[in-house]
Amino acid sequence: MELFSSIWAFVQNQILGMKWLNEIVGNVLNALGVDVASRWGGCLQFFIYDVVKIMLLLTSLIFLISYIQSYFPPERTKRILGRFHGVGANCVAALLGTVTPFCSCSSIPLFIGFTRAGLPLGVTFSFLISSPMVDLGSLVLLTSFFGLKVAVVYVAVGLVIAVVGGTAIEKLRLENQVEEYIRKGKALEVPLEELTFKARVAFAWEQVASIAKKVAPYVLAGVGIGAFIHNWIPEEFIVKALGAGNPFGVALATLAGVPMYADIFGAIPIAEALLAKGARLGVVLAFMMGVTTLSLPSIVMLRKAVKPKLLGVFVAICVVGVVVIGYFFNAIERLLV
């Protein structure tokens, strides 16, 4: 058991967490005359280390997930979902969301295609909720920052939100709240293409170049905000606003994430800095879920596909789900950290 714990600690700290990289960055900055113990020096070390670490993990994960995704093109995904019914279909849709694009805006075109193809509305919403919130990338990246327990529970509760939310929307029978051009549109039947290994690798590398280019600005912004929080905002302020003393911290963090547009890679550095300053675990995870699932740009895009009533139901379900999950994480925080 001790051997396994030692091996896992090495994997988490040195392979996923890349602690060796932080030491190298610190040594290089010291050699250049930068005092990493100062606020500016610590801020620079945090920024360089997190940007390099996240981009290395990002490119590796995009390649892996894109390769897996090559086996699940939209046409095949629609066929798979069409075989299931009821809550089982919602569960499958939520799971398929874990091997799709990284942000909510990327998922909405797929949501429109699935809806136009005649899949049940609740099933398509389970997919829409899970796709940006929980994916293989979030599992690995969360493990590198917060540990395996937090990562696994985060993914599990994210899938629960997706299944419950989609099921609730299905029960409300809001099909008439989808815009008419989508309900009456016809889905194109594209023949499935069996790709060779070489073609799948080429597709994965294309996705790496495309997604990394789109995500990089948000990573830089997220790490920049995280570095500022980590080195400049007093710990007392964070503890007072988002610590155990504020019972509304989870709700505040959820709402704070809505105006932002980022994926899991841009949100995690901010969450890491908040947690290090004394914010509750449920608060920082609620913030991450709010950013990835309820960002304002994605809501604006979704409004073009659904009517205000359905949009309001979707937002309400996600907000309530994220807040409940945030308080749940606060309750079990001692068991996870």
Foldseek 3Di string as FASTA:
>chain_A
DVVVVVVVVCCLCCVLQVVVLLVVLLVVCVVVVQDCVALVNVLVSLLVSLLVNLLVLLLVVLLVLLLVCLVPDLLNVLVVLVVDDDLVSLLSLLVVLQSDDAFLQRLVVSLLLSVLQPRQNLSSQLSSQNNNQHYPSQQSNCCNQFNNLVSVVSNVLSNVLSSVLSNVLNVVPVNVQWDPCSNPPHRDNDDDDDDDPVVSSVSSVVSSVVVCVVQSVLLSVLSSLLSCLQRPPALVVLCCQANPVDPCLQLVLLVVQAQAAHGLNNLVSNLSSSVVSHGAPLNSSLNNSSNRNRHPVSLVVVCVGGPPVVSVSSVVSSSVSSSVSSVVCNVCVVVRD
